């Protein structure tokens, strides 16, 4: 019997493409993007790149894209 997981409200399987894109930042470039040092700058650049890509995808301005850490913070 095959099980079908439908409880994506609590968690969702990570897409393999997302995993591959995030791996360098989980292993090597984990500096705080809000820091002033160069170690965090790679993270900052990656976030800004993602913001710009998402804005283009949905035909928005990058300033309109706000990333939050969770649903509660977003609310």
Protein backbone atom coordinates (compact mmCIF):
# COMPACT_ATOMS: atom_id res chain seq x y z
CA UNK A 1 0.00 0.00 0.00
CA UNK A 2 1.31 3.45 -0.90
CA UNK A 3 0.91 6.29 1.58
CA UNK A 4 0.00 9.76 0.31
CA UNK A 5 1.18 12.61 2.54
CA UNK A 6 -1.29 15.50 2.61
CA UNK A 7 -0.25 17.36 5.79
CA UNK A 8 1.74 20.09 4.05
CA UNK A 9 0.33 22.58 6.54
CA UNK A 10 2.87 21.47 9.13
CA UNK A 11 5.79 20.64 6.83
CA UNK A 12 6.56 20.17 3.18
CA UNK A 13 9.22 18.05 1.53
CA UNK A 14 12.06 20.18 0.26
CA UNK A 15 12.31 20.29 -3.51
CA UNK A 16 15.63 18.87 -4.75
CA UNK A 17 16.35 22.07 -6.72
CA UNK A 18 15.91 24.16 -3.59
CA UNK A 19 18.20 21.81 -1.66
CA UNK A 20 20.93 22.13 -4.30
CA UNK A 21 20.62 25.92 -4.38
CA UNK A 22 20.71 26.21 -0.58
CA UNK A 23 23.48 23.68 0.09
CA UNK A 24 26.39 26.14 -0.26
CA UNK A 25 24.72 28.45 2.28
CA UNK A 26 24.06 25.63 4.72
CA UNK A 27 27.65 24.35 4.54
CA UNK A 28 30.05 27.12 3.57
CA UNK A 29 28.47 30.57 3.31
CA UNK A 30 26.46 30.73 6.52
CA UNK A 31 27.41 34.28 7.54
CA UNK A 32 24.71 36.56 8.87
CA UNK A 33 23.49 38.62 5.88
CA UNK A 34 22.82 41.59 8.17
CA UNK A 35 26.42 41.73 9.39
CA UNK A 36 28.88 44.30 8.14
CA UNK A 37 31.73 41.83 7.64
CA UNK A 38 32.60 40.18 4.34
CA UNK A 39 31.68 36.70 5.63
CA UNK A 40 28.01 37.68 5.67
CA UNK A 41 28.13 39.54 2.39
CA UNK A 42 27.82 36.37 0.26
CA UNK A 43 24.61 35.53 2.09
CA UNK A 44 23.35 39.07 1.60
CA UNK A 45 24.11 38.92 -2.13
CA UNK A 46 22.29 35.59 -2.45
CA UNK A 47 19.19 36.95 -0.72
CA UNK A 48 19.15 40.04 -2.92
CA UNK A 49 19.61 37.86 -6.02
CA UNK A 50 16.67 35.69 -4.95
CA UNK A 51 14.58 38.81 -4.27
CA UNK A 52 15.31 40.14 -7.77
CA UNK A 53 14.59 36.79 -9.44
CA UNK A 54 11.28 36.44 -7.61
CA UNK A 55 10.29 40.01 -8.46
CA UNK A 56 10.95 39.36 -12.14
CA UNK A 57 9.00 36.11 -12.01
CA UNK A 58 5.85 37.76 -10.65
CA UNK A 59 6.31 41.12 -12.41
CA UNK A 60 6.92 43.07 -9.20
CA UNK A 61 9.50 45.51 -7.91
CA UNK A 62 12.24 43.92 -5.80
CA UNK A 63 11.43 46.40 -3.00
CA UNK A 64 7.99 44.77 -2.74
CA UNK A 65 9.45 41.36 -1.88
CA UNK A 66 9.86 40.82 1.86
CA UNK A 67 11.26 37.56 3.17
CA UNK A 68 10.22 36.41 6.64
CA UNK A 69 11.39 33.50 8.75
CA UNK A 70 7.95 32.04 9.40
CA UNK A 71 4.20 32.50 9.02
CA UNK A 72 3.86 34.10 12.45
CA UNK A 73 6.44 36.73 11.59
CA UNK A 74 4.71 37.37 8.27
CA UNK A 75 1.38 37.89 10.02
